[in-house]
Protein backbone atom coordinates (compact mmCIF):
# COMPACT_ATOMS: atom_id res chain seq x y z
CA MET A 1 81.52 12.06 29.05
CA GLY A 2 81.65 15.20 26.88
CA GLN A 3 78.69 17.52 26.73
CA ALA A 4 76.68 17.65 23.50
CA SER A 5 76.76 20.94 21.69
CA PRO A 6 73.53 22.99 21.58
CA ARG A 7 73.36 22.59 17.78
CA GLY A 8 73.71 18.82 18.12
CA GLY A 9 70.90 18.80 20.71
CA VAL A 10 68.60 20.74 18.41
CA ARG A 11 69.36 18.36 15.56
CA LEU A 12 68.50 15.37 17.77
CA THR A 13 65.29 16.99 19.01
CA MET A 14 64.14 17.82 15.46
CA ARG A 15 64.98 14.30 14.33
CA ALA A 16 62.98 12.84 17.21
CA LEU A 17 60.02 15.13 16.47
CA SER A 18 60.10 14.18 12.80
CA LEU A 19 60.13 10.50 13.68
CA THR A 20 57.19 11.04 16.06
CA LEU A 21 55.16 12.85 13.37
CA LEU A 22 55.97 10.14 10.85
CA THR A 23 54.85 7.50 13.32
CA LEU A 24 51.58 9.36 14.06
CA SER A 25 50.98 9.87 10.35
CA ALA A 26 51.48 6.18 9.75
CA CYS A 27 48.99 5.37 12.50
CA VAL A 28 46.35 7.73 11.04
CA THR A 29 46.88 6.37 7.53
CA SER A 30 46.63 2.83 8.84
CA ARG A 31 43.38 3.58 10.71
CA ASP A 32 41.79 5.36 7.76
CA ALA A 33 42.72 2.51 5.46
CA GLY A 34 41.19 0.07 7.94
CA VAL A 35 37.93 2.03 8.09
CA GLU A 36 37.74 2.21 4.32
CA ALA A 37 38.44 -1.52 4.06
CA ASN A 38 35.70 -2.25 6.60
CA GLU A 39 33.32 -0.01 4.67
CA ARG A 40 33.96 -1.90 1.44
CA LEU A 41 33.56 -5.24 3.19
CA ALA A 42 30.37 -4.01 4.92
CA ALA A 43 28.87 -2.87 1.63
CA ALA A 44 29.66 -6.24 0.05
CA ALA A 45 28.06 -8.06 3.00
CA SER A 46 24.91 -5.93 2.65
CA ARG A 47 24.70 -6.66 -1.07
CA ARG A 48 24.83 -10.40 -0.53
CA GLY A 49 22.45 -10.27 2.45
CA ASP A 50 24.97 -11.41 5.03
CA TRP A 51 23.34 -9.26 7.69
CA ALA A 52 25.30 -10.42 10.74
CA VAL A 53 28.61 -9.52 9.10
CA ALA A 54 27.14 -6.32 7.67
CA ALA A 55 25.86 -5.18 11.06
CA ASP A 56 29.23 -5.78 12.72
CA LEU A 57 31.30 -4.07 10.03
CA TRP A 58 29.01 -1.10 9.54
CA HIS A 59 28.90 -0.55 13.29
CA ARG A 60 32.70 -0.56 13.41
CA VAL A 61 32.74 2.08 10.68
CA TYR A 62 30.14 4.13 12.57
CA LEU A 63 32.22 4.05 15.77
CA ALA A 64 35.48 4.75 13.95
CA ASP A 65 33.94 7.83 12.36
CA GLY A 66 32.94 9.22 15.72
CA LEU A 67 29.23 8.41 15.27
CA ASN A 68 29.07 11.03 12.51
CA ASN A 69 28.59 8.80 9.48
CA PRO A 70 24.87 8.77 8.51
CA ARG A 71 25.36 6.00 5.96
CA ALA A 72 27.05 3.71 8.48
CA CYS A 73 24.24 4.39 10.95
CA LEU A 74 21.64 3.68 8.26
CA GLU A 75 23.24 0.45 7.10
CA THR A 76 23.88 -0.83 10.63
CA SER A 77 20.21 -0.20 11.44
CA ARG A 78 19.07 -1.86 8.23
CA ALA A 79 21.15 -4.94 9.00
CA LEU A 80 19.82 -5.10 12.56
CA ALA A 81 16.25 -4.89 11.28
CA GLU A 82 16.94 -7.68 8.79
CA LEU A 83 18.36 -9.77 11.62
CA GLY A 84 15.07 -9.44 13.50
CA ASP A 85 16.22 -6.86 16.04
CA PRO A 86 13.99 -3.85 15.32
CA THR A 87 14.39 -2.51 18.87
CA SER A 88 18.13 -2.01 18.44
CA ALA A 89 17.64 -0.74 14.91
CA GLU A 90 15.10 1.85 16.06
CA ALA A 91 17.31 3.04 18.94
CA LEU A 92 20.28 3.45 16.62
CA LEU A 93 18.16 5.31 14.08
CA ARG A 94 16.97 7.74 16.73
CA ASP A 95 20.58 8.44 17.63
CA GLY A 96 21.49 8.88 13.97
CA ILE A 97 18.57 11.25 13.36
CA ARG A 98 19.62 13.31 16.38
CA ARG A 99 23.10 13.67 14.90
CA SER A 100 22.00 13.99 11.24
CA PRO A 101 18.44 15.40 11.27
CA GLU A 102 18.55 16.30 7.57
CA SER A 103 19.09 12.71 6.41
CA ALA A 104 15.93 11.72 4.55
CA ALA A 105 17.19 8.12 4.31
CA LEU A 106 17.40 7.81 8.11
CA HIS A 107 13.85 9.11 8.55
CA GLU A 108 12.60 6.76 5.83
CA LEU A 109 14.16 3.66 7.39
CA HIS A 110 12.93 4.82 10.79
CA GLY A 111 9.41 4.87 9.34
CA ARG A 112 9.80 1.36 7.97
CA VAL A 113 11.07 -0.05 11.27
CA LEU A 114 8.31 1.72 13.23
CA GLU A 115 5.67 0.46 10.78
CA GLU A 116 6.88 -3.12 11.03
CA THR A 117 6.76 -2.99 14.83
CA GLY A 118 3.21 -1.61 14.88
CA TRP A 119 3.97 2.03 15.75
CA ARG A 120 1.93 3.35 12.85
CA ARG A 121 1.40 6.93 14.07
CA ALA A 122 5.11 7.34 14.67
CA ALA A 123 5.83 5.70 11.33
CA GLU A 124 3.49 8.16 9.62
CA ALA A 125 5.41 11.09 11.14
CA ALA A 126 8.75 9.58 10.08
CA TYR A 127 7.59 9.10 6.48
CA VAL A 128 6.19 12.64 6.39
CA LYS A 129 9.54 14.02 7.58
CA ALA A 130 11.44 11.99 4.99
CA LEU A 131 9.20 13.38 2.25
CA GLU A 132 9.63 16.93 3.52
CA LEU A 133 13.37 16.48 3.09
CA GLN A 134 13.14 14.58 -0.22
CA PRO A 135 9.66 14.62 -1.83
CA GLY A 136 10.29 11.92 -4.43
CA LEU A 137 11.11 9.02 -2.09
CA THR A 138 8.92 6.21 -3.41
CA THR A 139 9.46 3.99 -0.37
CA SER A 140 8.23 6.78 1.90
CA LEU A 141 5.26 7.54 -0.37
CA ALA A 142 4.25 3.87 -0.31
CA GLY A 143 4.83 3.62 3.43
CA LEU A 144 2.84 6.77 4.15
CA GLY A 145 -0.09 5.60 2.07
CA ARG A 146 0.05 2.14 3.61
CA VAL A 147 0.13 3.27 7.27
CA ARG A 148 -2.65 5.77 6.67
CA LEU A 149 -4.76 2.97 5.27
CA GLN A 150 -3.99 0.90 8.36
CA LEU A 151 -4.91 3.87 10.57
CA GLY A 152 -8.26 4.29 8.81
CA LEU A 153 -7.15 7.55 7.16
CA GLU A 154 -8.10 6.41 3.67
CA THR A 155 -8.76 9.87 2.20
CA SER A 156 -5.40 11.25 3.33
CA ALA A 157 -3.71 8.13 1.93
CA ILE A 158 -4.81 8.97 -1.62
CA ALA A 159 -2.51 11.96 -2.28
CA PRO A 160 0.81 10.19 -1.52
CA LEU A 161 -0.34 7.11 -3.39
CA GLU A 162 -1.32 9.11 -6.46
CA ARG A 163 2.15 10.67 -6.39
CA LEU A 164 3.66 7.19 -5.97
CA VAL A 165 1.82 5.94 -9.06
CA GLU A 166 3.10 8.94 -11.04
CA LEU A 167 6.69 8.14 -10.07
CA ASP A 168 6.59 4.35 -9.88
CA PRO A 169 3.53 2.89 -11.67
CA THR A 170 3.95 -0.72 -10.58
CA PRO A 171 0.99 -3.07 -10.02
CA ASP A 172 1.62 -2.95 -6.26
CA SER A 173 1.54 0.84 -6.12
CA VAL A 174 -1.62 1.03 -8.24
CA ARG A 175 -3.29 -1.62 -6.09
CA LEU A 176 -2.57 0.45 -2.98
CA LEU A 177 -4.22 3.42 -4.65
CA THR A 178 -7.32 1.44 -5.65
CA GLU A 179 -7.62 0.15 -2.08
CA ALA A 180 -7.40 3.65 -0.63
CA ALA A 181 -9.83 5.10 -3.15
CA ARG A 182 -12.39 2.33 -2.65
CA SER A 183 -12.15 2.60 1.13
CA ALA A 184 -12.56 6.38 0.94
CA GLY A 185 -15.53 6.16 -1.43
CA GLN A 186 -13.59 8.00 -4.16
CA ASP A 187 -15.12 6.04 -7.02
CA THR A 188 -13.68 8.13 -9.86
CA VAL A 189 -10.15 7.80 -8.46
CA ALA A 190 -10.69 4.07 -8.05
CA TYR A 191 -12.02 3.73 -11.60
CA ASP A 192 -9.04 5.59 -13.08
CA ALA A 193 -6.67 3.50 -10.97
CA TYR A 194 -8.28 0.28 -12.20
CA LEU A 195 -7.90 1.47 -15.80
CA HIS A 196 -4.19 1.91 -15.05
CA LEU A 197 -3.93 -1.44 -13.28
CA PHE A 198 -5.51 -3.35 -16.16
CA ASP A 199 -3.03 -1.74 -18.53
CA LEU A 200 -0.29 -3.28 -16.40
CA THR A 201 -1.86 -6.64 -15.52
CA GLN A 202 -4.76 -8.91 -16.48
CA GLY A 203 -6.24 -8.34 -13.04
CA THR A 204 -7.41 -10.96 -10.58
CA LEU A 205 -10.98 -12.22 -10.52
CA TRP A 206 -11.69 -10.16 -7.40
CA GLU A 207 -10.21 -7.01 -8.97
CA LEU A 208 -12.26 -7.41 -12.15
CA VAL A 209 -15.48 -7.90 -10.19
CA ASP A 210 -14.77 -5.00 -7.83
CA ALA A 211 -13.83 -2.72 -10.73
CA GLY A 212 -16.93 -3.75 -12.65
CA SER A 213 -19.19 -2.98 -9.72
CA LEU A 214 -18.12 0.68 -9.93
CA GLY A 215 -20.33 1.04 -12.99
CA LEU A 216 -23.34 1.01 -10.66
CA GLU A 217 -22.29 4.33 -9.07
CA ALA A 218 -24.36 7.19 -10.48
CA GLU A 219 -21.71 9.84 -9.79
CA LEU A 220 -19.08 7.86 -11.66
CA ARG A 221 -21.38 7.32 -14.63
CA GLU A 222 -21.93 11.07 -14.72
CA GLU A 223 -18.22 11.95 -14.54
CA ARG A 224 -16.98 9.14 -16.80
CA ARG A 225 -19.60 8.61 -19.50
CA ALA A 226 -17.86 5.52 -20.87
CA SER A 227 -17.66 3.85 -17.46
CA GLY A 228 -20.82 1.75 -17.90
CA PRO A 229 -19.65 -0.20 -20.97
CA VAL A 230 -16.10 -0.39 -19.60
CA CYS A 231 -17.32 -1.86 -16.32
CA GLU A 232 -19.51 -4.36 -18.17
CA ALA A 233 -16.44 -5.41 -20.15
CA TRP A 234 -14.51 -5.96 -16.93
CA LEU A 235 -17.32 -8.11 -15.54
CA SER A 236 -17.43 -10.11 -18.77
CA ARG A 237 -13.69 -10.72 -18.39
CA ALA A 238 -14.37 -11.91 -14.84
CA LEU A 239 -16.83 -14.46 -16.21
CA GLU A 240 -14.19 -15.64 -18.67
CA VAL A 241 -11.93 -16.29 -15.68
CA ASP A 242 -14.72 -17.95 -13.69
CA PRO A 243 -18.11 -18.54 -15.37
CA GLN A 244 -19.51 -19.56 -11.98
CA CYS A 245 -18.85 -16.16 -10.36
CA ALA A 246 -22.27 -15.24 -9.02
CA ARG A 247 -21.24 -11.68 -8.08
CA ALA A 248 -20.24 -10.92 -11.66
CA HIS A 249 -23.62 -12.16 -12.90
CA ILE A 250 -25.43 -10.04 -10.30
CA PHE A 251 -23.55 -6.86 -11.20
CA LEU A 252 -24.04 -7.46 -14.92
CA GLY A 253 -27.75 -7.96 -14.23
CA ARG A 254 -27.90 -4.62 -12.44
CA LEU A 255 -26.01 -2.83 -15.19
CA ARG A 256 -28.26 -4.30 -17.88
CA ALA A 257 -31.29 -3.19 -15.86
CA LEU A 258 -29.88 0.35 -15.65
CA ALA A 259 -29.51 0.27 -19.43
CA GLY A 260 -33.19 -0.70 -19.74
CA GLU A 261 -32.39 -4.21 -20.95
CA GLU A 262 -34.66 -6.05 -18.53
CA ASP A 263 -34.68 -9.42 -20.27
CA GLU A 264 -30.87 -9.53 -20.32
CA ALA A 265 -30.84 -8.38 -16.72
CA ALA A 266 -33.21 -11.19 -15.72
CA ALA A 267 -31.05 -13.76 -17.53
CA TYR A 268 -27.93 -12.73 -15.63
CA LEU A 269 -29.78 -12.69 -12.31
CA MET A 270 -31.37 -16.09 -12.90
CA ARG A 271 -27.94 -17.51 -13.71
CA ALA A 272 -26.59 -16.04 -10.47
CA ARG A 273 -29.42 -17.70 -8.58
CA GLU A 274 -28.68 -21.05 -10.18
CA ILE A 275 -25.05 -20.76 -9.10
CA ASP A 276 -25.87 -19.70 -5.53
CA PRO A 277 -29.48 -20.38 -4.55
CA GLY A 278 -28.87 -19.18 -0.99
CA GLU A 279 -27.82 -15.66 -1.98
CA VAL A 280 -30.68 -13.41 -0.88
CA GLU A 281 -29.33 -10.43 -2.83
CA THR A 282 -30.05 -12.20 -6.11
CA VAL A 283 -33.65 -12.81 -5.07
CA PHE A 284 -34.03 -9.16 -4.08
CA GLU A 285 -32.68 -8.04 -7.47
CA LEU A 286 -35.11 -10.32 -9.32
CA ALA A 287 -37.98 -9.07 -7.16
CA GLU A 288 -37.06 -5.45 -7.90
CA LEU A 289 -36.95 -6.25 -11.60
CA GLU A 290 -40.45 -7.75 -11.46
CA LEU A 291 -41.71 -4.73 -9.53
CA ARG A 292 -40.37 -2.39 -12.20
CA ARG A 293 -42.17 -4.48 -14.79
CA GLY A 294 -45.36 -4.23 -12.72
CA GLU A 295 -45.45 -7.97 -12.11
CA ARG A 296 -46.72 -7.88 -8.54
CA ALA A 297 -47.53 -11.59 -8.22
CA ALA A 298 -44.10 -12.68 -9.43
CA ALA A 299 -42.42 -10.14 -7.16
CA THR A 300 -44.43 -11.27 -4.13
CA GLU A 301 -43.53 -14.91 -4.76
CA LEU A 302 -39.86 -13.99 -4.90
CA LEU A 303 -40.13 -11.94 -1.72
CA ASP A 304 -41.74 -14.88 0.08
CA GLN A 305 -38.65 -16.88 -0.87
CA ALA A 306 -36.39 -14.02 0.21
CA ALA A 307 -38.03 -13.98 3.66
CA GLU A 308 -36.57 -17.43 4.33
CA LEU A 309 -33.06 -16.21 3.39
CA ALA A 310 -33.04 -12.73 4.95
CA HIS A 311 -31.18 -13.15 8.23
CA GLY A 312 -29.21 -9.93 8.75
CA GLU A 313 -30.68 -6.57 9.75
CA ALA A 314 -29.88 -4.97 6.39
CA ALA A 315 -31.54 -7.84 4.52
CA ARG A 316 -34.67 -7.60 6.67
CA VAL A 317 -34.91 -3.84 6.11
CA ARG A 318 -34.61 -4.29 2.34
CA LEU A 319 -37.26 -7.03 2.46
CA GLU A 320 -39.69 -4.72 4.24
CA LEU A 321 -39.10 -1.95 1.70
CA LEU A 322 -39.75 -4.28 -1.22
CA LEU A 323 -42.87 -5.71 0.42
CA SER A 324 -44.15 -2.15 0.86
CA ARG A 325 -43.62 -1.48 -2.83
CA ALA A 326 -45.45 -4.69 -3.70
CA GLU A 327 -48.38 -3.58 -1.52
CA GLU A 328 -48.43 -0.20 -3.29
CA LEU A 329 -48.73 -2.00 -6.64
CA THR A 330 -51.61 -4.06 -5.26
CA GLU A 331 -53.43 -0.92 -4.08
CA GLN A 332 -52.88 0.75 -7.45
CA ALA A 333 -54.24 -2.32 -9.21
CA ASP A 334 -57.35 -2.30 -7.00
């Protein structure tokens, strides 16, 4: 056999190298196309709620991208959570957050998964971190307010929920704010939130009665001068929904008494007693009304009836206070 010339050898080597590079390029192009195809299929599966397929495809994308694709991590975790596997979802999210700590979406979903599995303190921290990275995340604002309510941190729940209502004034978000404000004793915030809620919805019977009862708070009446008539209107709407709502009658009776309309107050309270004869609070309110009128005998008769209904400690204490006032009237009369 003849020996190949050096120039021929170089040409063969270059040809072989070119073929190798072309082959490698084809492999890379093929892989990238496959990842992109999987990503499109995964996104479609997520949109239609096919979570098993979505979890598999998104996880393939995550692995193919060397675990450095925050979206693939997020969507795999979301699919796992939807499939009822929060443990795997949470573990994957922790890994994703370690690799992409600036991803607000990962922290937000982490908060949701932690909240749903009962880890409320950890969920609170995750939502806070998400909001540090992206302050306008409504899901995180709602989640933060919700877990703080569950943790008994009602006052600290108000700020994120107020911001939520500014950004996304839905009935659900406003209801969360009213719940936080009522639990925290922030009556003015609750009143303003109810005004907003009743602009959005008709309100439930319970919401109308609870909102109406705010008119009895002296601080609110001082800060919102129109609150008394507004709260009476809400209670009247409650009676349109359910004329047999004893609580609405009681609160209207109290509000009418505050306005100095004692006859109207008595009418509401008597109606409440007709509806629910066993409600000791109604009897107490009627007794107080009679004491303000100076009708000691009528008040004493009512308190004798209340004694048969007063079973709890608070009821017994109130009974004793009213009996003392009745005795004072008797002494003054003598």
